[in-house]
Structures are given as C-alpha cells and as structure tokens.
Amino acid sequence: MLAFSRNIRPYVDRELSLAADARRAKQVAKEFEHLENAHVLGQESTYQHTKVHCLMLAWGLRQGKLGEVWGQLFRIIGAASKTALGLVPSGNTGGSNISPFATRSLSAEHSAIIAKAKRR
C-alpha cells in the first residue's frame, strides 16, 4: 500500500491546492468540494486519509459547524485506525453529511486516477 500512497499523493495534493485557492478566494463550498475530492482519492492511504479529515476538521472549525467538527473527530480516529485494515467505503466523500460507512459511486475520473495509482 506504500506504493499507492506515493502514487496517489500528487492527485490528492492537487485537490488540496485547489481547496487552498478556494479558501483564499472565500469560496467556502468550493473549498469543501475539493477536500471531498481529496478524500475520495486518498482514502486508501492512511496518511492521506487522516490528513484530509484533519483539514476537514479545520474547515468545520473555521465555519463554526459543530456537527462537522464532531463528525471529523470521529472520522480522524477511524481513518487513523481502520484504513490500513482496508475498512474504507469506496467513494465516500468524508463529510459529516453522509454516514462514514456509506459507499458511493466513483466518478469516471476518480476511478481512473485510483486505478492508475494502484497499477504503478
């Protein structure tokens, strides 16, 4: 799984960079959308998965969204302890607006990126 973590990193980093750009532009919803994309891409990497949830926690704190804060605290614990065991629901966007156990369909773009990162 270390190879996957290394291979997926540029794609996660791109989404995180776009999230930072949106934050600077005060585009709150767009920022979270990019965090969700980063989550979908990186959730099979313990490091990337946990990192994105920490960034989602920070987003929730900045927005004063208590539900998101509590949801992210729960998800950080799960990401840090369950990812390496393969206990991640595919396509889950990581926000507290959906169950942390719910699977979602992957977009064609995300599916292709993840498959490419697994092949390398």
C-alpha atoms as a PDB file:
ATOM      1  CA  MET A   1       0.000   0.000   0.000  1.00  0.00           C
ATOM      2  CA  LEU A   2       3.022   2.293   0.293  1.00  0.00           C
ATOM      3  CA  ALA A   3       3.234   2.423  -3.492  1.00  0.00           C
ATOM      4  CA  PHE A   4      -0.398   3.519  -3.689  1.00  0.00           C
ATOM      5  CA  SER A   5       0.210   6.248  -1.106  1.00  0.00           C
ATOM      6  CA  ARG A   6       3.160   7.546  -3.093  1.00  0.00           C
ATOM      7  CA  ASN A   7       1.327   7.321  -6.424  1.00  0.00           C
ATOM      8  CA  ILE A   8      -1.902   8.960  -5.280  1.00  0.00           C
ATOM      9  CA  ARG A   9      -0.184  11.833  -3.482  1.00  0.00           C
ATOM     10  CA  PRO A  10       0.140  14.198  -6.483  1.00  0.00           C
ATOM     11  CA  TYR A  11      -3.591  13.894  -7.184  1.00  0.00           C
ATOM     12  CA  VAL A  12      -4.537  14.468  -3.541  1.00  0.00           C
ATOM     13  CA  ASP A  13      -2.096  17.371  -3.330  1.00  0.00           C
ATOM     14  CA  ARG A  14      -3.665  18.940  -6.424  1.00  0.00           C
ATOM     15  CA  GLU A  15      -7.110  18.849  -4.821  1.00  0.00           C
ATOM     16  CA  LEU A  16      -5.696  20.257  -1.582  1.00  0.00           C
ATOM     17  CA  SER A  17      -4.039  23.059  -3.531  1.00  0.00           C
ATOM     18  CA  LEU A  18      -7.353  23.835  -5.240  1.00  0.00           C
ATOM     19  CA  ALA A  19      -9.036  23.799  -1.806  1.00  0.00           C
ATOM     20  CA  ALA A  20      -6.459  26.310  -0.532  1.00  0.00           C
ATOM     21  CA  ASP A  21      -7.075  28.509  -3.586  1.00  0.00           C
ATOM     22  CA  ALA A  22     -10.829  28.394  -2.925  1.00  0.00           C
ATOM     23  CA  ARG A  23     -10.253  29.255   0.730  1.00  0.00           C
ATOM     24  CA  ARG A  24      -8.205  32.321  -0.227  1.00  0.00           C
ATOM     25  CA  ALA A  25     -10.996  33.319  -2.629  1.00  0.00           C
ATOM     26  CA  LYS A  26     -13.537  32.862   0.209  1.00  0.00           C
ATOM     27  CA  GLN A  27     -15.344  30.149  -1.776  1.00  0.00           C
ATOM     28  CA  VAL A  28     -16.354  28.059   1.220  1.00  0.00           C
ATOM     29  CA  ALA A  29     -18.439  25.440  -0.611  1.00  0.00           C
ATOM     30  CA  LYS A  30     -15.833  25.028  -3.357  1.00  0.00           C
ATOM     31  CA  GLU A  31     -13.101  24.563  -0.741  1.00  0.00           C
ATOM     32  CA  PHE A  32     -15.026  21.713   0.865  1.00  0.00           C
ATOM     33  CA  GLU A  33     -15.773  20.178  -2.533  1.00  0.00           C
ATOM     34  CA  HIS A  34     -12.036  19.924  -3.204  1.00  0.00           C
ATOM     35  CA  LEU A  35     -11.482  18.447   0.257  1.00  0.00           C
ATOM     36  CA  GLU A  36     -14.124  15.836  -0.591  1.00  0.00           C
ATOM     37  CA  ASN A  37     -12.341  15.047  -3.864  1.00  0.00           C
ATOM     38  CA  ALA A  38      -9.051  14.681  -1.986  1.00  0.00           C
ATOM     39  CA  HIS A  39     -10.788  12.328   0.440  1.00  0.00           C
ATOM     40  CA  VAL A  40     -12.205  10.110  -2.308  1.00  0.00           C
ATOM     41  CA  LEU A  41      -8.805   9.872  -3.968  1.00  0.00           C
ATOM     42  CA  GLY A  42      -6.688   9.371  -0.860  1.00  0.00           C
ATOM     43  CA  GLN A  43      -8.856   7.328   1.453  1.00  0.00           C
ATOM     44  CA  GLU A  44      -6.961   4.072   0.853  1.00  0.00           C
ATOM     45  CA  SER A  45      -3.779   5.702   2.203  1.00  0.00           C
ATOM     46  CA  THR A  46      -3.749   6.024   5.988  1.00  0.00           C
ATOM     47  CA  TYR A  47      -1.641   9.188   5.825  1.00  0.00           C
ATOM     48  CA  GLN A  48      -3.663  10.933   3.107  1.00  0.00           C
ATOM     49  CA  HIS A  49      -6.976   9.787   4.575  1.00  0.00           C
ATOM     50  CA  THR A  50      -6.186  11.086   8.047  1.00  0.00           C
ATOM     51  CA  LYS A  51      -4.653  14.299   6.680  1.00  0.00           C
ATOM     52  CA  VAL A  52      -7.777  15.144   4.681  1.00  0.00           C
ATOM     53  CA  HIS A  53     -10.025  14.535   7.693  1.00  0.00           C
ATOM     54  CA  CYS A  54      -7.815  16.881   9.745  1.00  0.00           C
ATOM     55  CA  LEU A  55      -8.226  19.526   7.040  1.00  0.00           C
ATOM     56  CA  MET A  56     -11.984  18.943   7.043  1.00  0.00           C
ATOM     57  CA  LEU A  57     -11.934  19.409  10.823  1.00  0.00           C
ATOM     58  CA  ALA A  58     -10.123  22.728  10.378  1.00  0.00           C
ATOM     59  CA  TRP A  59     -12.717  23.741   7.756  1.00  0.00           C
ATOM     60  CA  GLY A  60     -15.516  22.899  10.202  1.00  0.00           C
ATOM     61  CA  LEU A  61     -13.860  24.953  12.937  1.00  0.00           C
ATOM     62  CA  ARG A  62     -13.429  27.955  10.618  1.00  0.00           C
ATOM     63  CA  GLN A  63     -17.085  27.726   9.562  1.00  0.00           C
ATOM     64  CA  GLY A  64     -18.351  27.221  13.117  1.00  0.00           C
ATOM     65  CA  LYS A  65     -20.072  23.981  12.104  1.00  0.00           C
ATOM     66  CA  LEU A  66     -20.185  21.937  15.290  1.00  0.00           C
ATOM     67  CA  GLY A  67     -21.687  18.890  13.548  1.00  0.00           C
ATOM     68  CA  GLU A  68     -18.814  18.821  11.075  1.00  0.00           C
ATOM     69  CA  VAL A  69     -16.272  19.216  13.871  1.00  0.00           C
ATOM     70  CA  TRP A  70     -17.655  16.259  15.856  1.00  0.00           C
ATOM     71  CA  GLY A  71     -18.059  14.215  12.694  1.00  0.00           C
ATOM     72  CA  GLN A  72     -14.459  14.839  11.695  1.00  0.00           C
ATOM     73  CA  LEU A  73     -13.116  13.972  15.146  1.00  0.00           C
ATOM     74  CA  PHE A  74     -14.858  10.589  14.850  1.00  0.00           C
ATOM     75  CA  ARG A  75     -13.595  10.135  11.286  1.00  0.00           C
ATOM     76  CA  ILE A  76      -9.997  11.040  12.171  1.00  0.00           C
ATOM     77  CA  ILE A  77      -9.948   8.210  14.704  1.00  0.00           C
ATOM     78  CA  GLY A  78     -11.435   5.831  12.139  1.00  0.00           C
ATOM     79  CA  ALA A  79      -9.085   6.915   9.358  1.00  0.00           C
ATOM     80  CA  ALA A  80      -6.023   6.527  11.560  1.00  0.00           C
ATOM     81  CA  SER A  81      -7.037   3.120  12.901  1.00  0.00           C
ATOM     82  CA  LYS A  82      -9.074   1.427  10.158  1.00  0.00           C
ATOM     83  CA  THR A  83      -7.609   2.485   6.801  1.00  0.00           C
ATOM     84  CA  ALA A  84      -4.676   0.068   6.906  1.00  0.00           C
ATOM     85  CA  LEU A  85      -7.178  -2.731   7.522  1.00  0.00           C
ATOM     86  CA  GLY A  86      -8.994  -1.817   4.303  1.00  0.00           C
ATOM     87  CA  LEU A  87     -12.094  -0.665   6.164  1.00  0.00           C
ATOM     88  CA  VAL A  88     -12.918   2.315   3.948  1.00  0.00           C
ATOM     89  CA  PRO A  89     -16.150   2.702   1.979  1.00  0.00           C
ATOM     90  CA  SER A  90     -15.337   3.357  -1.662  1.00  0.00           C
ATOM     91  CA  GLY A  91     -16.378   6.747  -2.993  1.00  0.00           C
ATOM     92  CA  ASN A  92     -17.299   8.150   0.411  1.00  0.00           C
ATOM     93  CA  THR A  93     -16.733  11.905   0.353  1.00  0.00           C
ATOM     94  CA  GLY A  94     -15.749  12.143   4.025  1.00  0.00           C
ATOM     95  CA  GLY A  95     -18.045  14.915   5.204  1.00  0.00           C
ATOM     96  CA  SER A  96     -20.361  14.591   8.168  1.00  0.00           C
ATOM     97  CA  ASN A  97     -23.343  14.990   5.832  1.00  0.00           C
ATOM     98  CA  ILE A  98     -23.140  11.270   4.968  1.00  0.00           C
ATOM     99  CA  SER A  99     -22.560   8.158   7.031  1.00  0.00           C
ATOM    100  CA  PRO A 100     -18.882   7.283   7.464  1.00  0.00           C
ATOM    101  CA  PHE A 101     -19.864   3.742   6.423  1.00  0.00           C
ATOM    102  CA  ALA A 102     -21.725   4.634   3.204  1.00  0.00           C
ATOM    103  CA  THR A 103     -20.254   3.728  -0.161  1.00  0.00           C
ATOM    104  CA  ARG A 104     -20.772   5.983  -3.163  1.00  0.00           C
ATOM    105  CA  SER A 105     -20.213   5.576  -6.862  1.00  0.00           C
ATOM    106  CA  LEU A 106     -16.840   6.801  -8.040  1.00  0.00           C
ATOM    107  CA  SER A 107     -16.764   9.305 -10.865  1.00  0.00           C
ATOM    108  CA  ALA A 108     -15.071   8.049 -14.019  1.00  0.00           C
ATOM    109  CA  GLU A 109     -12.217  10.497 -13.389  1.00  0.00           C
ATOM    110  CA  HIS A 110     -11.647   9.392  -9.791  1.00  0.00           C
ATOM    111  CA  SER A 111     -11.919   5.742 -10.747  1.00  0.00           C
ATOM    112  CA  ALA A 112      -9.271   6.151 -13.471  1.00  0.00           C
ATOM    113  CA  ILE A 113      -6.900   8.030 -11.159  1.00  0.00           C
ATOM    114  CA  ILE A 114      -7.209   5.450  -8.386  1.00  0.00           C
ATOM    115  CA  ALA A 115      -6.727   2.556 -10.825  1.00  0.00           C
ATOM    116  CA  LYS A 116      -3.638   4.250 -12.254  1.00  0.00           C
ATOM    117  CA  ALA A 117      -2.184   4.790  -8.770  1.00  0.00           C
ATOM    118  CA  LYS A 118      -2.731   1.116  -7.941  1.00  0.00           C
ATOM    119  CA  ARG A 119      -1.064  -0.099 -11.173  1.00  0.00           C
ATOM    120  CA  ARG A 120       2.197   1.771 -10.907  1.00  0.00           C
END
